[in-house]
Every structure is written in C-alpha cells, then in structure tokens.
Amino acid sequence: MSTLLEVSGLVMRFGGLLAVQNVAFNVNSDEVFAIIGPNGAGKTTVFNCVGGFYKPTNGNIIMDGKDITGLTSHKVAQHGLVRTFQNVRLFKKLTVLENLLVAQHTHIETSLWRGLIKTPGYRESERQAKIEAAKWLDFMDIREYANREAGNLAYGHQRRLEIARCMITKPRLLMLDEPAAGLNPQEKRKLQLLIDQLRREFGVAVLLIEHDMSLVMGVSDRIMVMENGKPIMTGRPDEVQNDPRVIKAYLGEE
C-alpha cells in the first residue's frame, strides 16, 4: 500500500489566532483515514487547507508525489482530490441527472462552436457522459429521481447524489466532511456500507471528518485525533478508543 496524500508541518493562522499547528499525517491508497476531535479542534481547518479552500500559513501538502500546497480547490481537484461538504452543496434547481452531467464538464467537448454545430466528437462526449451518469444513478440507487430537481430530494438522497457527483470525476482521494450529519440510523448504516464499497470497488482512498463515532470506528483503518489545533494521537480504531488522551479530550477530567 503506497502513500497517496502526505501532510507535514501544517500551520494555519487567522490573524492572531493559531487555528492549526504542526499537523502531520498521511493517507495510503485504498485507505479510510478519519480525523476526529471535539468541536473547535481544527478538523475543518485542516480539511479546508488540504482541499484548497484555505492557503496554509506553513507546511506541505503532497498528493501522489506532487506538491499541491496552496493550490485552489479547482486545481486540487485536477490532481484527483475532491470533497463533499457538511452542508450539502448541489445545484438544487437542476435535476439529479443534470448535476451529474455538469460534474463531468471537463471531460466533455464543451466549446461553443462544437456545441452549436453538434460535432461528432461533441455528441459522443455527451453520450458517454449520460452513460456514466446513469451508472452512478444506479449505483447510488437514485435512478428513479433522475429528472427531479436536486433540491426536492430527501436529505439522505441528496447526500448520495453529492458523493456520486464527486465519484463521477474519478478521484483518487475522496474527502467527506461529516457525511452522516442529518442522517437517520438506517441511512448511517447504508453510508458506512457505501464508503466501504467505494474503497473496495473503485480503489478510492477516503479522508473523513465525522462526529458519529460508531461510523468512524466501523469504517476507518486509521484515525487521527485532534485537540486545540494539534494532533494528540494516530492509530487503529481499537487503539484510539482505549487511549487515555482521547478519553480526556472528549470527556474531560474530574
């Protein structure tokens, strides 16, 4: 198993606030790596630095041997790293199918001239995009909602569509920001199965932030625990559950 993502010496300052300090971790290919910690621990800040939404003050982010430190989210995605958000971000007025077609815009011949005259290359790209979208509609079990506006889907289905929209870009690393937020217990169980299935069938590594500990413990290979902007330990789920530092961070001391 090779290292896909390597983060070292990550520091993020907002004015006088040191939000993240000296964070270092790596994610292996085909691995589910989770970042957990109490509210305000710095998890989302780390996510935003890795995903290209923040430019870190210091540190290095290496994706598959290439330095992506400080690149914009669009450029980061071109290196095979895509993410979801805690609050689902879909094109809510577009249909479910249209959301998946838009996500493939970089793979379709979209120049105005080719689109106007419908060149054979344009038509073939469009056909392939629809085939790929149909595949993910089936995989996520949302085919029946293909022509429904995304904003009118049940929340659990919106989550699955958001993950499908990421996966249709063929990423190497999928970043999931609290994917269980707002889901009921049955939907959370399905989500755990889905994450494991994506890893096994598509060889995608997963970087996960999540508050639901049953999901984290059930799906993760390794877990990094953060407190006050710093990592306090990294280990297997069983090691994390029994570590006194983790228990102290979550439960406090008498």
Protein backbone atom coordinates (compact mmCIF):
# COMPACT_ATOMS: atom_id res chain seq x y z
CA MET A 1 0.00 0.00 0.00
CA SER A 2 1.58 3.30 -1.10
CA THR A 3 1.23 6.78 0.36
CA LEU A 4 -1.25 8.86 -1.63
CA LEU A 5 -1.52 12.03 0.49
CA GLU A 6 1.19 13.37 2.79
CA VAL A 7 0.67 16.41 5.01
CA SER A 8 3.59 17.76 7.07
CA GLY A 9 4.14 20.76 9.34
CA LEU A 10 0.71 22.22 8.57
CA VAL A 11 0.10 25.59 10.23
CA MET A 12 -2.90 27.88 9.74
CA ARG A 13 -3.20 31.33 11.29
CA PHE A 14 -6.17 33.68 11.09
CA GLY A 15 -4.72 36.99 12.24
CA GLY A 16 -3.66 36.38 15.85
CA LEU A 17 -5.48 33.03 16.09
CA LEU A 18 -3.39 29.91 15.62
CA ALA A 19 -6.09 27.50 14.40
CA VAL A 20 -3.84 24.61 13.36
CA GLN A 21 -0.25 23.94 14.40
CA ASN A 22 2.22 21.33 13.18
CA VAL A 23 -0.33 18.84 11.86
CA ALA A 24 1.20 15.88 10.06
CA PHE A 25 -0.41 12.73 8.69
CA ASN A 26 -0.51 10.56 5.60
CA VAL A 27 -3.28 8.70 3.80
CA ASN A 28 -2.47 5.48 1.96
CA SER A 29 -4.09 4.39 -1.27
CA ASP A 30 -7.31 2.38 -0.70
CA GLU A 31 -7.38 3.52 2.97
CA VAL A 32 -10.13 5.16 5.00
CA PHE A 33 -8.42 7.71 7.27
CA ALA A 34 -10.56 9.67 9.74
CA ILE A 35 -9.88 12.91 11.62
CA ILE A 36 -11.85 13.30 14.84
CA GLY A 37 -11.85 15.64 17.82
CA PRO A 38 -14.09 17.92 19.89
CA ASN A 39 -15.68 20.99 18.33
CA GLY A 40 -13.04 23.64 17.65
CA ALA A 41 -10.22 21.07 17.43
CA GLY A 42 -9.21 22.29 13.95
CA LYS A 43 -10.52 19.39 11.85
CA THR A 44 -12.37 21.51 9.31
CA THR A 45 -9.45 23.93 9.01
CA VAL A 46 -7.16 21.02 8.10
CA PHE A 47 -9.77 19.84 5.58
CA ASN A 48 -10.01 23.28 4.02
CA CYS A 49 -6.22 23.54 3.70
CA VAL A 50 -5.93 20.12 2.06
CA GLY A 51 -8.90 20.75 -0.24
CA GLY A 52 -7.64 24.12 -1.49
CA PHE A 53 -10.15 26.38 0.25
CA TYR A 54 -7.51 27.87 2.54
CA LYS A 55 -3.88 28.62 1.74
CA PRO A 56 -1.93 27.34 4.76
CA THR A 57 0.44 29.66 6.60
CA ASN A 58 3.12 26.96 6.62
CA GLY A 59 3.55 23.30 5.78
CA ASN A 60 3.45 20.99 2.81
CA ILE A 61 0.64 19.01 1.17
CA ILE A 62 1.81 16.36 -1.28
CA MET A 63 -0.71 14.45 -3.39
CA ASP A 64 0.62 11.41 -5.24
CA GLY A 65 4.14 12.86 -5.25
CA LYS A 66 3.09 16.34 -6.42
CA ASP A 67 3.12 19.45 -4.24
CA ILE A 68 -0.42 20.88 -4.11
CA THR A 69 0.20 23.27 -1.19
CA GLY A 70 -1.78 26.48 -1.70
CA LEU A 71 -3.45 25.43 -4.94
CA THR A 72 -7.10 26.43 -5.41
CA SER A 73 -9.82 23.80 -4.95
CA HIS A 74 -10.28 23.61 -8.72
CA LYS A 75 -6.60 22.83 -9.26
CA VAL A 76 -6.57 20.38 -6.35
CA ALA A 77 -9.49 18.50 -7.96
CA GLN A 78 -7.44 18.14 -11.15
CA HIS A 79 -4.92 16.19 -9.08
CA GLY A 80 -7.64 13.68 -8.13
CA LEU A 81 -8.72 15.04 -4.76
CA VAL A 82 -12.40 16.02 -4.38
CA ARG A 83 -14.64 16.71 -1.38
CA THR A 84 -18.16 16.93 -0.06
CA PHE A 85 -19.34 19.49 2.49
CA GLN A 86 -21.04 19.35 5.88
CA ASN A 87 -23.90 21.33 4.32
CA VAL A 88 -24.80 19.62 1.05
CA ARG A 89 -23.86 21.79 -1.94
CA LEU A 90 -25.79 20.75 -5.03
CA PHE A 91 -27.21 22.72 -7.96
CA LYS A 92 -30.62 22.50 -6.36
CA LYS A 93 -32.59 23.89 -9.31
CA LEU A 94 -31.01 21.41 -11.73
CA THR A 95 -32.22 17.84 -11.97
CA VAL A 96 -30.36 14.96 -10.40
CA LEU A 97 -29.14 13.89 -13.86
CA GLU A 98 -28.06 17.43 -14.78
CA ASN A 99 -25.98 17.63 -11.57
CA LEU A 100 -24.03 14.57 -12.71
CA LEU A 101 -23.62 15.90 -16.24
CA VAL A 102 -22.32 19.27 -15.02
CA ALA A 103 -19.76 17.48 -12.83
CA GLN A 104 -18.26 15.97 -15.99
CA HIS A 105 -17.80 19.26 -17.82
CA THR A 106 -14.01 18.86 -18.00
CA HIS A 107 -14.46 15.56 -19.89
CA ILE A 108 -16.96 16.86 -22.45
CA GLU A 109 -16.06 18.86 -25.56
CA THR A 110 -17.85 21.99 -24.43
CA SER A 111 -16.64 24.73 -26.78
CA LEU A 112 -19.46 26.98 -28.03
CA TRP A 113 -18.71 26.20 -31.69
CA ARG A 114 -18.72 22.40 -31.20
CA GLY A 115 -21.90 22.65 -29.17
CA LEU A 116 -23.70 24.80 -31.74
CA ILE A 117 -22.96 22.55 -34.70
CA LYS A 118 -23.10 19.31 -32.66
CA THR A 119 -19.86 17.87 -33.97
CA PRO A 120 -19.49 14.06 -33.81
CA GLY A 121 -16.93 14.49 -31.02
CA TYR A 122 -19.35 16.63 -29.03
CA ARG A 123 -22.22 14.17 -29.48
CA GLU A 124 -20.04 11.22 -28.46
CA SER A 125 -18.78 13.06 -25.36
CA GLU A 126 -22.37 13.89 -24.43
CA ARG A 127 -23.46 10.27 -24.91
CA GLN A 128 -20.62 8.95 -22.76
CA ALA A 129 -21.42 11.49 -20.04
CA LYS A 130 -25.03 10.28 -19.92
CA ILE A 131 -23.91 6.64 -19.73
CA GLU A 132 -21.57 7.48 -16.85
CA ALA A 133 -24.32 9.44 -15.07
CA ALA A 134 -26.75 6.53 -15.45
CA LYS A 135 -24.15 4.18 -13.95
CA TRP A 136 -23.85 6.31 -10.83
CA LEU A 137 -27.60 6.83 -10.56
CA ASP A 138 -27.95 3.05 -10.43
CA PHE A 139 -25.02 2.59 -8.06
CA MET A 140 -26.46 5.11 -5.60
CA ASP A 141 -29.99 3.72 -6.06
CA ILE A 142 -31.41 7.11 -7.11
CA ARG A 143 -32.23 6.34 -10.77
CA GLU A 144 -35.95 6.92 -10.19
CA TYR A 145 -35.21 10.54 -9.20
CA ALA A 146 -33.12 11.34 -12.30
CA ASN A 147 -35.48 14.05 -13.57
CA ARG A 148 -36.38 15.51 -10.19
CA GLU A 149 -34.87 18.80 -9.05
CA ALA A 150 -31.99 18.02 -6.70
CA GLY A 151 -33.34 20.42 -4.09
CA ASN A 152 -36.54 18.36 -3.82
CA LEU A 153 -34.78 15.12 -2.90
CA ALA A 154 -34.93 13.70 0.61
CA TYR A 155 -31.84 14.70 2.57
CA GLY A 156 -30.33 11.21 2.54
CA HIS A 157 -30.66 11.05 -1.25
CA GLN A 158 -29.05 14.49 -1.57
CA ARG A 159 -26.05 13.13 0.34
CA ARG A 160 -25.78 10.17 -2.04
CA LEU A 161 -26.06 12.46 -5.05
CA GLU A 162 -23.28 14.69 -3.70
CA ILE A 163 -20.99 11.67 -3.28
CA ALA A 164 -21.94 10.45 -6.78
CA ARG A 165 -21.09 13.87 -8.19
CA CYS A 166 -17.63 13.57 -6.63
CA MET A 167 -17.08 9.99 -7.75
CA ILE A 168 -18.08 10.66 -11.35
CA THR A 169 -14.92 12.77 -11.68
CA LYS A 170 -12.86 9.58 -11.00
CA PRO A 171 -10.95 10.84 -7.93
CA ARG A 172 -8.00 9.13 -6.25
CA LEU A 173 -8.94 10.59 -2.86
CA LEU A 174 -12.47 11.40 -1.67
CA MET A 175 -12.79 13.84 1.24
CA LEU A 176 -16.03 13.50 3.21
CA ASP A 177 -16.93 16.33 5.59
CA GLU A 178 -19.35 14.97 8.21
CA PRO A 179 -21.31 12.84 5.72
CA ALA A 180 -23.52 11.36 8.48
CA ALA A 181 -24.79 14.78 9.64
CA GLY A 182 -28.59 14.86 9.42
CA LEU A 183 -28.97 11.17 8.55
CA ASN A 184 -31.15 8.74 10.46
CA PRO A 185 -29.69 5.49 11.91
CA GLN A 186 -30.69 3.40 8.86
CA GLU A 187 -29.15 5.94 6.46
CA LYS A 188 -25.95 5.97 8.55
CA ARG A 189 -25.66 2.18 8.23
CA LYS A 190 -26.10 2.48 4.46
CA LEU A 191 -23.47 5.23 4.38
CA GLN A 192 -20.95 3.00 6.16
CA LEU A 193 -21.56 0.24 3.62
CA LEU A 194 -21.27 2.76 0.78
CA ILE A 195 -17.89 4.12 1.96
CA ASP A 196 -16.51 0.60 2.25
CA GLN A 197 -17.90 -0.29 -1.18
CA LEU A 198 -16.34 2.78 -2.84
CA ARG A 199 -12.98 1.86 -1.41
CA ARG A 200 -13.19 -1.81 -2.43
CA GLU A 201 -14.75 -1.47 -5.89
CA PHE A 202 -13.19 1.78 -7.12
CA GLY A 203 -9.89 1.80 -5.23
CA VAL A 204 -10.53 5.28 -3.90
CA ALA A 205 -8.93 6.42 -0.63
CA VAL A 206 -11.19 8.29 1.79
CA LEU A 207 -10.31 11.14 4.16
CA LEU A 208 -13.15 11.54 6.63
CA ILE A 209 -14.23 14.08 9.26
CA GLU A 210 -17.11 12.78 11.36
CA HIS A 211 -18.69 13.19 14.80
CA ASP A 212 -20.61 9.90 14.67
CA MET A 213 -18.20 7.58 16.47
CA SER A 214 -19.98 4.35 15.50
CA LEU A 215 -19.49 5.24 11.82
CA VAL A 216 -15.87 6.29 12.35
CA MET A 217 -14.97 3.16 14.30
CA GLY A 218 -16.81 0.92 11.85
CA VAL A 219 -15.31 2.21 8.60
CA SER A 220 -11.84 3.63 9.37
CA ASP A 221 -8.47 1.90 9.00
CA ARG A 222 -6.70 4.63 10.98
CA ILE A 223 -7.83 7.66 12.95
CA MET A 224 -6.08 10.90 13.89
CA VAL A 225 -7.41 12.63 16.99
CA MET A 226 -7.06 16.41 17.27
CA GLU A 227 -7.43 18.82 20.19
CA ASN A 228 -6.83 22.58 20.23
CA GLY A 229 -5.43 22.58 16.68
CA LYS A 230 -2.90 19.79 17.28
CA PRO A 231 -2.90 16.02 16.77
CA ILE A 232 -2.73 14.09 20.04
CA MET A 233 -2.53 10.59 18.54
CA THR A 234 -2.98 8.49 15.40
CA GLY A 235 -3.84 4.82 15.48
CA ARG A 236 -6.22 2.00 14.68
CA PRO A 237 -9.83 2.32 15.92
CA ASP A 238 -9.21 -0.06 18.86
CA GLU A 239 -6.11 1.91 19.90
CA VAL A 240 -7.96 5.22 19.71
CA GLN A 241 -10.95 4.01 21.74
CA ASN A 242 -8.75 2.96 24.64
CA ASP A 243 -6.22 5.80 24.67
CA PRO A 244 -6.38 7.92 27.87
CA ARG A 245 -5.52 11.10 25.92
CA VAL A 246 -8.54 10.61 23.67
CA ILE A 247 -10.85 9.85 26.59
CA LYS A 248 -9.59 13.00 28.32
CA ALA A 249 -10.09 15.15 25.18
CA TYR A 250 -13.68 14.02 24.75
CA LEU A 251 -14.81 13.53 28.34
CA GLY A 252 -12.52 15.83 30.33
CA GLU A 253 -11.07 15.05 33.73
CA GLU A 254 -12.74 15.02 37.11
